Amino acid sequence: MRVLVIGGAGYVGAPLTFRLWEQGHDVTVLDNLSFGAESLVPLLGRQRFKLVCGDIRDSALIKQAMIDHDAVCLLAAIVGEPACNRDPQNAIDINLKGSLNVLAAAQQAQVEKFVFVSTCSNYGAVAGDSFVNEEALLQPISTYAETKVQVEQQVLAATSAHFHPTVLRLSTAFGVSPRMRFDLMVSDFALAAVRDSKIVVFGEQFWRPFVHVMDIAAAIEKVLEAERRQVSGQVFNIGDTKNNLQKLELANLVQRHVDGAVVELVKRETDPRSYRVDFTKAKELLGFQAKWSVEDGVREVVDALKMGIWRSPSDPRYYN
């Protein structure tokens, strides 16, 4: 299969790119390289791999990149609420207008499969301890989630006999990646524990679902390999029930792996994002099950920090 991974140099994109290439697919990455191309250096010059530097708002470039590809995975975005809030209009231009530009080009090029990477943040705050599935009400409360919901709607509406899009709502990603991030909760807590010996938790009772970057890559590959009728026009939550954790549970996991670390709780009565997610659909229809537990990921990041894998983990390049 010839796969175009848009945003393939990023935190989630790089592990996906390597997985697809290692499985024998021809892979083209299109990325604006705003965080550099170091994550893809081992693939440069290899057969079945091509890197294109460009922006998803560049219609001519996107149309050219689509040629001769069987599938498109759209990951490129200004990712996360804080990053989008710094420049909401730029986030709208990229996450909404840029994504719709890619969608239109994929349809025009008659690409068979189209995978749009969305977010479980679209569910917003869910009352009580109930689990939300793909049919739950979407309650976006940030520019980031609002743009994702709008693109989801357009992607699903484009489903036809010749165009087979799939939406994946990801849990909060964790784990070591060639393009590392320390602004995500698992790695943020791990870094705080190792560097400062203290984890500060705001609103310890609130829920988050988590998923390892390698499990995300596996889920996307499942979609690409599935029969079209199984995934066409479908939405899947990606994660695992056991990886729904309250913030305090996560902090305690990290604390167990860092001697001397303490947990400091800061009371918060409300949180615009608190949700437990049901992942039954992906398990039953895709055969997807996460292999990584949150504790596995905590151990992975803590061990890497202790070994000094990142010389300056506080460097801005590790933050969106």
C-alpha atoms as a PDB file:
ATOM      1  CA  MET A   1       0.000   0.000   0.000  1.00  0.00           C
ATOM      2  CA  ARG A   2       1.165   3.532  -0.795  1.00  0.00           C
ATOM      3  CA  VAL A   3       0.415   5.719   2.209  1.00  0.00           C
ATOM      4  CA  LEU A   4       0.682   9.491   2.573  1.00  0.00           C
ATOM      5  CA  VAL A   5       1.181  10.446   6.231  1.00  0.00           C
ATOM      6  CA  ILE A   6       0.496  14.144   6.697  1.00  0.00           C
ATOM      7  CA  GLY A   7       2.161  15.281   9.893  1.00  0.00           C
ATOM      8  CA  GLY A   8       4.385  12.219   9.904  1.00  0.00           C
ATOM      9  CA  ALA A   9       7.342  13.826  11.672  1.00  0.00           C
ATOM     10  CA  GLY A  10       5.391  14.552  14.850  1.00  0.00           C
ATOM     11  CA  TYR A  11       4.952  12.888  18.231  1.00  0.00           C
ATOM     12  CA  VAL A  12       2.344  10.428  16.955  1.00  0.00           C
ATOM     13  CA  GLY A  13       3.271  10.666  13.282  1.00  0.00           C
ATOM     14  CA  ALA A  14       6.862   9.455  13.558  1.00  0.00           C
ATOM     15  CA  PRO A  15       6.036   6.127  15.259  1.00  0.00           C
ATOM     16  CA  LEU A  16       3.280   5.597  12.676  1.00  0.00           C
ATOM     17  CA  THR A  17       5.657   6.345   9.808  1.00  0.00           C
ATOM     18  CA  PHE A  18       8.241   3.859  11.063  1.00  0.00           C
ATOM     19  CA  ARG A  19       5.625   1.163  11.667  1.00  0.00           C
ATOM     20  CA  LEU A  20       4.103   1.464   8.201  1.00  0.00           C
ATOM     21  CA  TRP A  21       7.512   1.488   6.526  1.00  0.00           C
ATOM     22  CA  GLU A  22       8.695  -1.522   8.530  1.00  0.00           C
ATOM     23  CA  GLN A  23       5.543  -3.401   7.500  1.00  0.00           C
ATOM     24  CA  GLY A  24       6.519  -2.976   3.851  1.00  0.00           C
ATOM     25  CA  HIS A  25       4.314  -0.067   2.820  1.00  0.00           C
ATOM     26  CA  ASP A  26       5.543   2.756   0.592  1.00  0.00           C
ATOM     27  CA  VAL A  27       5.376   5.823   2.819  1.00  0.00           C
ATOM     28  CA  THR A  28       5.434   9.511   1.951  1.00  0.00           C
ATOM     29  CA  VAL A  29       5.545  12.011   4.794  1.00  0.00           C
ATOM     30  CA  LEU A  30       4.339  15.561   4.249  1.00  0.00           C
ATOM     31  CA  ASP A  31       5.180  17.821   7.180  1.00  0.00           C
ATOM     32  CA  ASN A  32       6.041  21.480   7.655  1.00  0.00           C
ATOM     33  CA  LEU A  33       8.920  20.370   9.911  1.00  0.00           C
ATOM     34  CA  SER A  34       8.152  23.059  12.470  1.00  0.00           C
ATOM     35  CA  PHE A  35       9.867  20.836  15.049  1.00  0.00           C
ATOM     36  CA  GLY A  36      12.579  19.657  12.672  1.00  0.00           C
ATOM     37  CA  ALA A  37      13.128  16.421  10.762  1.00  0.00           C
ATOM     38  CA  GLU A  38      15.346  14.648  13.306  1.00  0.00           C
ATOM     39  CA  SER A  39      12.583  12.171  14.092  1.00  0.00           C
ATOM     40  CA  LEU A  40      12.776  10.747  10.573  1.00  0.00           C
ATOM     41  CA  VAL A  41      16.532  10.788   9.997  1.00  0.00           C
ATOM     42  CA  PRO A  42      16.880   6.946  10.018  1.00  0.00           C
ATOM     43  CA  LEU A  43      14.508   6.740   7.034  1.00  0.00           C
ATOM     44  CA  LEU A  44      16.064   9.430   4.861  1.00  0.00           C
ATOM     45  CA  GLY A  45      17.434   7.978   1.649  1.00  0.00           C
ATOM     46  CA  ARG A  46      15.733   4.600   2.183  1.00  0.00           C
ATOM     47  CA  GLN A  47      13.703   2.902  -0.518  1.00  0.00           C
ATOM     48  CA  ARG A  48       9.934   3.171  -0.119  1.00  0.00           C
ATOM     49  CA  PHE A  49      10.269   6.416   1.842  1.00  0.00           C
ATOM     50  CA  LYS A  50       9.881  10.014   0.724  1.00  0.00           C
ATOM     51  CA  LEU A  51       9.821  13.251   2.729  1.00  0.00           C
ATOM     52  CA  VAL A  52       8.053  16.364   1.460  1.00  0.00           C
ATOM     53  CA  CYS A  53       8.321  19.634   3.364  1.00  0.00           C
ATOM     54  CA  GLY A  54       5.140  21.630   3.076  1.00  0.00           C
ATOM     55  CA  ASP A  55       2.016  23.123   4.604  1.00  0.00           C
ATOM     56  CA  ILE A  56      -1.459  21.605   4.475  1.00  0.00           C
ATOM     57  CA  ARG A  57      -2.837  24.996   3.420  1.00  0.00           C
ATOM     58  CA  ASP A  58      -0.828  24.824   0.176  1.00  0.00           C
ATOM     59  CA  SER A  59      -3.459  23.460  -2.205  1.00  0.00           C
ATOM     60  CA  ALA A  60      -1.130  22.898  -5.151  1.00  0.00           C
ATOM     61  CA  LEU A  61       1.405  21.021  -3.029  1.00  0.00           C
ATOM     62  CA  ILE A  62      -1.258  18.858  -1.402  1.00  0.00           C
ATOM     63  CA  LYS A  63      -2.789  17.932  -4.751  1.00  0.00           C
ATOM     64  CA  GLN A  64       0.627  16.947  -6.082  1.00  0.00           C
ATOM     65  CA  ALA A  65       1.414  14.907  -2.973  1.00  0.00           C
ATOM     66  CA  MET A  66      -1.796  12.881  -3.333  1.00  0.00           C
ATOM     67  CA  ILE A  67      -0.830  11.418  -6.693  1.00  0.00           C
ATOM     68  CA  ASP A  68      -0.419   7.627  -6.735  1.00  0.00           C
ATOM     69  CA  HIS A  69      -1.336   7.079  -3.072  1.00  0.00           C
ATOM     70  CA  ASP A  70      -3.871   4.521  -1.885  1.00  0.00           C
ATOM     71  CA  ALA A  71      -4.419   5.980   1.571  1.00  0.00           C
ATOM     72  CA  VAL A  72      -3.985   9.225   3.482  1.00  0.00           C
ATOM     73  CA  CYS A  73      -3.487   9.602   7.232  1.00  0.00           C
ATOM     74  CA  LEU A  74      -4.112  13.182   8.350  1.00  0.00           C
ATOM     75  CA  LEU A  75      -2.370  13.942  11.638  1.00  0.00           C
ATOM     76  CA  ALA A  76      -1.097  17.464  10.926  1.00  0.00           C
ATOM     77  CA  ALA A  77      -2.555  20.077  13.274  1.00  0.00           C
ATOM     78  CA  ILE A  78      -1.840  22.608  15.956  1.00  0.00           C
ATOM     79  CA  VAL A  79      -2.268  20.018  18.702  1.00  0.00           C
ATOM     80  CA  GLY A  80      -3.673  20.686  22.144  1.00  0.00           C
ATOM     81  CA  GLU A  81      -5.698  23.382  23.833  1.00  0.00           C
ATOM     82  CA  PRO A  82      -2.782  25.565  25.064  1.00  0.00           C
ATOM     83  CA  ALA A  83      -1.092  25.615  21.644  1.00  0.00           C
ATOM     84  CA  CYS A  84      -4.344  26.565  19.910  1.00  0.00           C
ATOM     85  CA  ASN A  85      -5.187  29.226  22.493  1.00  0.00           C
ATOM     86  CA  ARG A  86      -1.942  31.065  21.814  1.00  0.00           C
ATOM     87  CA  ASP A  87      -3.186  31.936  18.322  1.00  0.00           C
ATOM     88  CA  PRO A  88      -6.780  30.770  17.774  1.00  0.00           C
ATOM     89  CA  GLN A  89      -7.026  32.138  14.238  1.00  0.00           C
ATOM     90  CA  ASN A  90      -3.889  30.318  13.172  1.00  0.00           C
ATOM     91  CA  ALA A  91      -5.281  27.141  14.723  1.00  0.00           C
ATOM     92  CA  ILE A  92      -8.508  27.562  12.758  1.00  0.00           C
ATOM     93  CA  ASP A  93      -6.597  28.191   9.529  1.00  0.00           C
ATOM     94  CA  ILE A  94      -4.534  25.024   9.957  1.00  0.00           C
ATOM     95  CA  ASN A  95      -6.770  22.613  11.866  1.00  0.00           C
ATOM     96  CA  LEU A  96      -9.990  23.453  10.045  1.00  0.00           C
ATOM     97  CA  LYS A  97      -9.229  25.086   6.710  1.00  0.00           C
ATOM     98  CA  GLY A  98      -6.013  23.145   6.139  1.00  0.00           C
ATOM     99  CA  SER A  99      -7.641  19.827   7.017  1.00  0.00           C
ATOM    100  CA  LEU A 100     -10.578  20.475   4.699  1.00  0.00           C
ATOM    101  CA  ASN A 101      -8.073  21.360   1.979  1.00  0.00           C
ATOM    102  CA  VAL A 102      -6.483  17.921   2.427  1.00  0.00           C
ATOM    103  CA  LEU A 103      -9.893  16.235   2.426  1.00  0.00           C
ATOM    104  CA  ALA A 104     -10.894  17.894  -0.845  1.00  0.00           C
ATOM    105  CA  ALA A 105      -7.596  16.934  -2.486  1.00  0.00           C
ATOM    106  CA  ALA A 106      -7.944  13.325  -1.353  1.00  0.00           C
ATOM    107  CA  GLN A 107     -11.432  13.096  -2.819  1.00  0.00           C
ATOM    108  CA  GLN A 108     -10.301  14.646  -6.085  1.00  0.00           C
ATOM    109  CA  ALA A 109      -7.371  12.226  -6.296  1.00  0.00           C
ATOM    110  CA  GLN A 110      -9.741   9.304  -5.616  1.00  0.00           C
ATOM    111  CA  VAL A 111      -7.707   8.092  -2.681  1.00  0.00           C
ATOM    112  CA  GLU A 112      -9.374   4.950  -1.394  1.00  0.00           C
ATOM    113  CA  LYS A 113      -8.924   5.312   2.385  1.00  0.00           C
ATOM    114  CA  PHE A 114      -8.709   8.476   4.459  1.00  0.00           C
ATOM    115  CA  VAL A 115      -7.893   8.373   8.177  1.00  0.00           C
ATOM    116  CA  PHE A 116      -8.555  11.542  10.154  1.00  0.00           C
ATOM    117  CA  VAL A 117      -6.945  11.699  13.591  1.00  0.00           C
ATOM    118  CA  SER A 118      -9.273  13.434  16.030  1.00  0.00           C
ATOM    119  CA  THR A 119      -9.472  13.534  19.827  1.00  0.00           C
ATOM    120  CA  CYS A 120     -11.491  12.277  22.781  1.00  0.00           C
ATOM    121  CA  SER A 121     -11.348  15.876  24.038  1.00  0.00           C
ATOM    122  CA  ASN A 122     -14.402  16.350  21.839  1.00  0.00           C
ATOM    123  CA  TYR A 123     -16.479  14.767  24.621  1.00  0.00           C
ATOM    124  CA  GLY A 124     -15.750  17.643  27.010  1.00  0.00           C
ATOM    125  CA  ALA A 125     -16.912  17.147  30.604  1.00  0.00           C
ATOM    126  CA  VAL A 126     -18.980  14.040  31.288  1.00  0.00           C
ATOM    127  CA  ALA A 127     -21.034  14.001  34.478  1.00  0.00           C
ATOM    128  CA  GLY A 128     -20.433  11.172  36.918  1.00  0.00           C
ATOM    129  CA  ASP A 129     -18.330   8.112  36.224  1.00  0.00           C
ATOM    130  CA  SER A 130     -20.170   6.882  33.120  1.00  0.00           C
ATOM    131  CA  PHE A 131     -18.280   5.783  30.021  1.00  0.00           C
ATOM    132  CA  VAL A 132     -18.774   7.579  26.696  1.00  0.00           C
ATOM    133  CA  ASN A 133     -18.836   5.715  23.397  1.00  0.00           C
ATOM    134  CA  GLU A 134     -18.738   6.997  19.830  1.00  0.00           C
ATOM    135  CA  GLU A 135     -22.446   7.876  19.912  1.00  0.00           C
ATOM    136  CA  ALA A 136     -22.088  10.236  22.893  1.00  0.00           C
ATOM    137  CA  LEU A 137     -22.845  13.926  22.627  1.00  0.00           C
ATOM    138  CA  LEU A 138     -19.822  15.959  21.540  1.00  0.00           C
ATOM    139  CA  GLN A 139     -19.200  18.971  23.780  1.00  0.00           C
ATOM    140  CA  PRO A 140     -16.107  20.771  22.458  1.00  0.00           C
ATOM    141  CA  ILE A 141     -15.005  23.518  24.833  1.00  0.00           C
ATOM    142  CA  SER A 142     -11.833  24.734  23.123  1.00  0.00           C
ATOM    143  CA  THR A 143     -10.704  25.943  19.722  1.00  0.00           C
ATOM    144  CA  TYR A 144      -8.768  22.698  19.361  1.00  0.00           C
ATOM    145  CA  ALA A 145     -11.782  20.455  19.942  1.00  0.00           C
ATOM    146  CA  GLU A 146     -14.143  22.709  17.989  1.00  0.00           C
ATOM    147  CA  THR A 147     -12.001  22.471  14.868  1.00  0.00           C
ATOM    148  CA  LYS A 148     -11.699  18.710  15.245  1.00  0.00           C
ATOM    149  CA  VAL A 149     -15.466  18.290  15.522  1.00  0.00           C
ATOM    150  CA  GLN A 150     -16.091  20.438  12.454  1.00  0.00           C
ATOM    151  CA  VAL A 151     -13.595  18.468  10.382  1.00  0.00           C
ATOM    152  CA  GLU A 152     -15.034  15.174  11.629  1.00  0.00           C
ATOM    153  CA  GLN A 153     -18.435  16.201  10.328  1.00  0.00           C
ATOM    154  CA  GLN A 154     -17.087  17.036   6.876  1.00  0.00           C
ATOM    155  CA  VAL A 155     -14.948  13.896   6.705  1.00  0.00           C
ATOM    156  CA  LEU A 156     -17.850  11.594   7.549  1.00  0.00           C
ATOM    157  CA  ALA A 157     -20.172  13.410   5.154  1.00  0.00           C
ATOM    158  CA  ALA A 158     -17.703  12.691   2.336  1.00  0.00           C
ATOM    159  CA  THR A 159     -18.213   8.921   2.619  1.00  0.00           C
ATOM    160  CA  SER A 160     -19.174   7.366  -0.703  1.00  0.00           C
ATOM    161  CA  ALA A 161     -18.875   4.164  -2.693  1.00  0.00           C
ATOM    162  CA  HIS A 162     -15.439   5.337  -3.833  1.00  0.00           C
ATOM    163  CA  PHE A 163     -14.148   7.256  -0.799  1.00  0.00           C
ATOM    164  CA  HIS A 164     -13.799   5.548   2.570  1.00  0.00           C
ATOM    165  CA  PRO A 165     -12.939   7.893   5.443  1.00  0.00           C
ATOM    166  CA  THR A 166     -12.489   6.890   9.079  1.00  0.00           C
ATOM    167  CA  VAL A 167     -12.301   9.105  12.165  1.00  0.00           C
ATOM    168  CA  LEU A 168     -10.147   8.050  15.120  1.00  0.00           C
ATOM    169  CA  ARG A 169     -10.723   9.841  18.421  1.00  0.00           C
ATOM    170  CA  LEU A 170      -7.489   9.389  20.321  1.00  0.00           C
ATOM    171  CA  SER A 171      -7.033   9.265  24.055  1.00  0.00           C
ATOM    172  CA  THR A 172      -4.258  11.434  25.478  1.00  0.00           C
ATOM    173  CA  ALA A 173      -1.043  10.069  24.019  1.00  0.00           C
ATOM    174  CA  PHE A 174       1.915   8.929  26.092  1.00  0.00           C
ATOM    175  CA  GLY A 175       5.210   7.123  25.609  1.00  0.00           C
ATOM    176  CA  VAL A 176       8.646   7.707  24.126  1.00  0.00           C
ATOM    177  CA  SER A 177       8.657   8.976  20.544  1.00  0.00           C
ATOM    178  CA  PRO A 178      11.374  10.103  18.105  1.00  0.00           C
ATOM    179  CA  ARG A 179       9.817  13.575  18.425  1.00  0.00           C
ATOM    180  CA  MET A 180       9.276  13.655  22.166  1.00  0.00           C
ATOM    181  CA  ARG A 181       6.743  15.814  24.006  1.00  0.00           C
ATOM    182  CA  PHE A 182       6.831  16.754  27.674  1.00  0.00           C
ATOM    183  CA  ASP A 183       3.652  18.841  27.697  1.00  0.00           C
ATOM    184  CA  LEU A 184       1.400  15.767  27.817  1.00  0.00           C
ATOM    185  CA  MET A 185       0.227  14.529  31.191  1.00  0.00           C
ATOM    186  CA  VAL A 186       2.161  11.262  31.556  1.00  0.00           C
ATOM    187  CA  SER A 187       5.506  12.658  30.414  1.00  0.00           C
ATOM    188  CA  ASP A 188       4.844  15.951  32.229  1.00  0.00           C
ATOM    189  CA  PHE A 189       4.310  14.148  35.544  1.00  0.00           C
ATOM    190  CA  ALA A 190       7.318  11.895  34.911  1.00  0.00           C
ATOM    191  CA  LEU A 191       9.604  14.838  34.163  1.00  0.00           C
ATOM    192  CA  ALA A 192       8.380  16.757  37.224  1.00  0.00           C
ATOM    193  CA  ALA A 193       9.050  13.748  39.456  1.00  0.00           C
ATOM    194  CA  VAL A 194      12.560  13.113  38.103  1.00  0.00           C
ATOM    195  CA  ARG A 195      13.638  16.751  37.798  1.00  0.00           C
ATOM    196  CA  ASP A 196      11.835  18.383  40.730  1.00  0.00           C
ATOM    197  CA  SER A 197      10.947  15.413  42.976  1.00  0.00           C
ATOM    198  CA  LYS A 198       7.409  16.845  43.080  1.00  0.00           C
ATOM    199  CA  ILE A 199       4.272  16.288  41.032  1.00  0.00           C
ATOM    200  CA  VAL A 200       1.654  19.036  41.264  1.00  0.00           C
ATOM    201  CA  VAL A 201      -1.842  17.771  40.446  1.00  0.00           C
ATOM    202  CA  PHE A 202      -4.652  20.186  39.663  1.00  0.00           C
ATOM    203  CA  GLY A 203      -8.006  18.508  40.275  1.00  0.00           C
ATOM    204  CA  GLU A 204      -6.932  15.030  41.311  1.00  0.00           C
ATOM    205  CA  GLN A 205     -10.422  13.524  40.893  1.00  0.00           C
ATOM    206  CA  PHE A 206     -10.838  14.207  37.176  1.00  0.00           C
ATOM    207  CA  TRP A 207     -10.597  11.465  34.562  1.00  0.00           C
ATOM    208  CA  ARG A 208      -8.482  11.116  31.435  1.00  0.00           C
ATOM    209  CA  PRO A 209      -8.089   8.242  28.970  1.00  0.00           C
ATOM    210  CA  PHE A 210      -4.543   7.455  27.795  1.00  0.00           C
ATOM    211  CA  VAL A 211      -2.985   5.554  24.878  1.00  0.00           C
ATOM    212  CA  HIS A 212       0.627   4.829  23.932  1.00  0.00           C
ATOM    213  CA  VAL A 213       1.962   6.242  20.650  1.00  0.00           C
ATOM    214  CA  MET A 214       2.830   2.737  19.442  1.00  0.00           C
ATOM    215  CA  ASP A 215      -0.729   1.587  20.099  1.00  0.00           C
ATOM    216  CA  ILE A 216      -2.010   4.553  18.091  1.00  0.00           C
ATOM    217  CA  ALA A 217       0.205   3.484  15.196  1.00  0.00           C
ATOM    218  CA  ALA A 218      -1.141  -0.058  15.484  1.00  0.00           C
ATOM    219  CA  ALA A 219      -4.738   1.193  15.451  1.00  0.00           C
ATOM    220  CA  ILE A 220      -4.179   3.262  12.313  1.00  0.00           C
ATOM    221  CA  GLU A 221      -2.574   0.290  10.614  1.00  0.00           C
ATOM    222  CA  LYS A 222      -5.627  -1.795  11.556  1.00  0.00           C
ATOM    223  CA  VAL A 223      -7.852   0.717   9.750  1.00  0.00           C
ATOM    224  CA  LEU A 224      -5.656   0.706   6.656  1.00  0.00           C
ATOM    225  CA  GLU A 225      -5.690  -3.091   6.509  1.00  0.00           C
ATOM    226  CA  ALA A 226      -9.393  -3.549   7.281  1.00  0.00           C
ATOM    227  CA  GLU A 227     -12.097  -4.312   4.747  1.00  0.00           C
ATOM    228  CA  ARG A 228     -13.550  -1.057   3.470  1.00  0.00           C
ATOM    229  CA  ARG A 229     -17.063  -1.900   4.658  1.00  0.00           C
ATOM    230  CA  GLN A 230     -15.760  -2.234   8.242  1.00  0.00           C
ATOM    231  CA  VAL A 231     -14.254   1.238   8.462  1.00  0.00           C
ATOM    232  CA  SER A 232     -15.930   3.396   5.829  1.00  0.00           C
ATOM    233  CA  GLY A 233     -17.703   6.322   7.479  1.00  0.00           C
ATOM    234  CA  GLN A 234     -16.935   4.979  10.953  1.00  0.00           C
ATOM    235  CA  VAL A 235     -15.720   6.644  14.157  1.00  0.00           C
ATOM    236  CA  PHE A 236     -13.558   4.751  16.643  1.00  0.00           C
ATOM    237  CA  ASN A 237     -12.346   5.708  20.105  1.00  0.00           C
ATOM    238  CA  ILE A 238      -8.734   4.590  20.438  1.00  0.00           C
ATOM    239  CA  GLY A 239      -7.425   3.520  23.824  1.00  0.00           C
ATOM    240  CA  ASP A 240      -8.158   0.898  26.461  1.00  0.00           C
ATOM    241  CA  THR A 241     -10.558   0.785  29.396  1.00  0.00           C
ATOM    242  CA  LYS A 242      -7.746  -0.009  31.858  1.00  0.00           C
ATOM    243  CA  ASN A 243      -6.030   3.207  30.771  1.00  0.00           C
ATOM    244  CA  ASN A 244      -8.844   5.449  31.984  1.00  0.00           C
ATOM    245  CA  LEU A 245      -7.265   7.012  35.079  1.00  0.00           C
ATOM    246  CA  GLN A 246      -7.954   9.814  37.489  1.00  0.00           C
ATOM    247  CA  LYS A 247      -5.149  12.350  37.741  1.00  0.00           C
ATOM    248  CA  LEU A 248      -4.240  11.219  41.248  1.00  0.00           C
ATOM    249  CA  GLU A 249      -3.960   7.606  40.092  1.00  0.00           C
ATOM    250  CA  LEU A 250      -1.506   8.700  37.423  1.00  0.00           C
ATOM    251  CA  ALA A 251       0.518  10.760  39.892  1.00  0.00           C
ATOM    252  CA  ASN A 252       0.702   7.801  42.273  1.00  0.00           C
ATOM    253  CA  LEU A 253       1.928   5.552  39.451  1.00  0.00           C
ATOM    254  CA  VAL A 254       4.725   7.981  38.654  1.00  0.00           C
ATOM    255  CA  GLN A 255       5.586   8.399  42.326  1.00  0.00           C
ATOM    256  CA  ARG A 256       6.090   4.646  42.676  1.00  0.00           C
ATOM    257  CA  HIS A 257       8.798   4.742  40.017  1.00  0.00           C
ATOM    258  CA  VAL A 258      10.689   7.795  41.289  1.00  0.00           C
ATOM    259  CA  ASP A 259      12.198   7.503  44.772  1.00  0.00           C
ATOM    260  CA  GLY A 260      11.638  10.575  46.895  1.00  0.00           C
ATOM    261  CA  ALA A 261       9.002  12.159  44.672  1.00  0.00           C
ATOM    262  CA  VAL A 262       6.047  13.736  46.472  1.00  0.00           C
ATOM    263  CA  VAL A 263       2.571  14.529  45.201  1.00  0.00           C
ATOM    264  CA  GLU A 264       1.057  17.948  45.855  1.00  0.00           C
ATOM    265  CA  LEU A 265      -2.688  18.319  45.322  1.00  0.00           C
ATOM    266  CA  VAL A 266      -4.295  21.583  44.229  1.00  0.00           C
ATOM    267  CA  LYS A 267      -8.064  21.518  44.607  1.00  0.00           C
ATOM    268  CA  ARG A 268     -10.201  22.173  41.541  1.00  0.00           C
ATOM    269  CA  GLU A 269     -13.958  21.707  41.655  1.00  0.00           C
ATOM    270  CA  THR A 270     -14.499  21.856  37.902  1.00  0.00           C
ATOM    271  CA  ASP A 271     -12.580  20.643  34.867  1.00  0.00           C
ATOM    272  CA  PRO A 272     -13.840  21.256  31.323  1.00  0.00           C
ATOM    273  CA  ARG A 273     -12.335  17.901  30.282  1.00  0.00           C
ATOM    274  CA  SER A 274     -13.175  14.956  32.474  1.00  0.00           C
ATOM    275  CA  TYR A 275     -14.289  11.782  30.785  1.00  0.00           C
ATOM    276  CA  ARG A 276     -14.018   7.995  30.871  1.00  0.00           C
ATOM    277  CA  VAL A 277     -14.126   6.442  27.431  1.00  0.00           C
ATOM    278  CA  ASP A 278     -15.497   3.160  26.113  1.00  0.00           C
ATOM    279  CA  PHE A 279     -13.291   1.423  23.511  1.00  0.00           C
ATOM    280  CA  THR A 280     -15.475  -1.606  22.772  1.00  0.00           C
ATOM    281  CA  LYS A 281     -16.154  -0.674  19.152  1.00  0.00           C
ATOM    282  CA  ALA A 282     -12.479  -0.609  18.131  1.00  0.00           C
ATOM    283  CA  LYS A 283     -11.919  -3.937  19.854  1.00  0.00           C
ATOM    284  CA  GLU A 284     -14.895  -5.643  18.244  1.00  0.00           C
ATOM    285  CA  LEU A 285     -14.787  -4.169  14.718  1.00  0.00           C
ATOM    286  CA  LEU A 286     -11.059  -3.529  14.264  1.00  0.00           C
ATOM    287  CA  GLY A 287      -9.642  -6.212  16.493  1.00  0.00           C
ATOM    288  CA  PHE A 288      -7.627  -3.480  18.191  1.00  0.00           C
ATOM    289  CA  GLN A 289      -6.465  -3.815  21.775  1.00  0.00           C
ATOM    290  CA  ALA A 290      -3.839  -1.614  23.407  1.00  0.00           C
ATOM    291  CA  LYS A 291      -0.677  -3.449  24.424  1.00  0.00           C
ATOM    292  CA  TRP A 292       0.759  -0.702  26.612  1.00  0.00           C
ATOM    293  CA  SER A 293      -0.552   0.099  30.083  1.00  0.00           C
ATOM    294  CA  VAL A 294      -0.049   3.564  31.521  1.00  0.00           C
ATOM    295  CA  GLU A 295       2.363   2.102  34.056  1.00  0.00           C
ATOM    296  CA  ASP A 296       4.416   0.606  31.211  1.00  0.00           C
ATOM    297  CA  GLY A 297       4.625   4.071  29.689  1.00  0.00           C
ATOM    298  CA  VAL A 298       5.506   5.719  32.987  1.00  0.00           C
ATOM    299  CA  ARG A 299       8.340   3.246  33.483  1.00  0.00           C
ATOM    300  CA  GLU A 300       9.535   3.811  29.908  1.00  0.00           C
ATOM    301  CA  VAL A 301       9.682   7.612  30.212  1.00  0.00           C
ATOM    302  CA  VAL A 302      11.121   7.647  33.745  1.00  0.00           C
ATOM    303  CA  ASP A 303      13.876   5.202  32.781  1.00  0.00           C
ATOM    304  CA  ALA A 304      14.745   7.250  29.703  1.00  0.00           C
ATOM    305  CA  LEU A 305      14.889  10.447  31.768  1.00  0.00           C
ATOM    306  CA  LYS A 306      17.150   8.833  34.349  1.00  0.00           C
ATOM    307  CA  MET A 307      19.469   7.658  31.570  1.00  0.00           C
ATOM    308  CA  GLY A 308      19.704  11.188  30.189  1.00  0.00           C
ATOM    309  CA  ILE A 309      18.218  10.350  26.779  1.00  0.00           C
ATOM    310  CA  TRP A 310      17.183  13.997  26.414  1.00  0.00           C
ATOM    311  CA  ARG A 311      19.938  16.415  27.314  1.00  0.00           C
ATOM    312  CA  SER A 312      17.541  19.295  27.966  1.00  0.00           C
ATOM    313  CA  PRO A 313      13.966  17.990  28.358  1.00  0.00           C
ATOM    314  CA  SER A 314      12.781  21.490  29.259  1.00  0.00           C
ATOM    315  CA  ASP A 315      13.800  22.745  25.805  1.00  0.00           C
ATOM    316  CA  PRO A 316      10.856  24.368  23.945  1.00  0.00           C
ATOM    317  CA  ARG A 317      11.218  21.879  21.059  1.00  0.00           C
ATOM    318  CA  TYR A 318       9.661  19.231  23.307  1.00  0.00           C
ATOM    319  CA  TYR A 319       6.532  21.297  23.858  1.00  0.00           C
ATOM    320  CA  ASN A 320       3.678  22.223  21.520  1.00  0.00           C
END
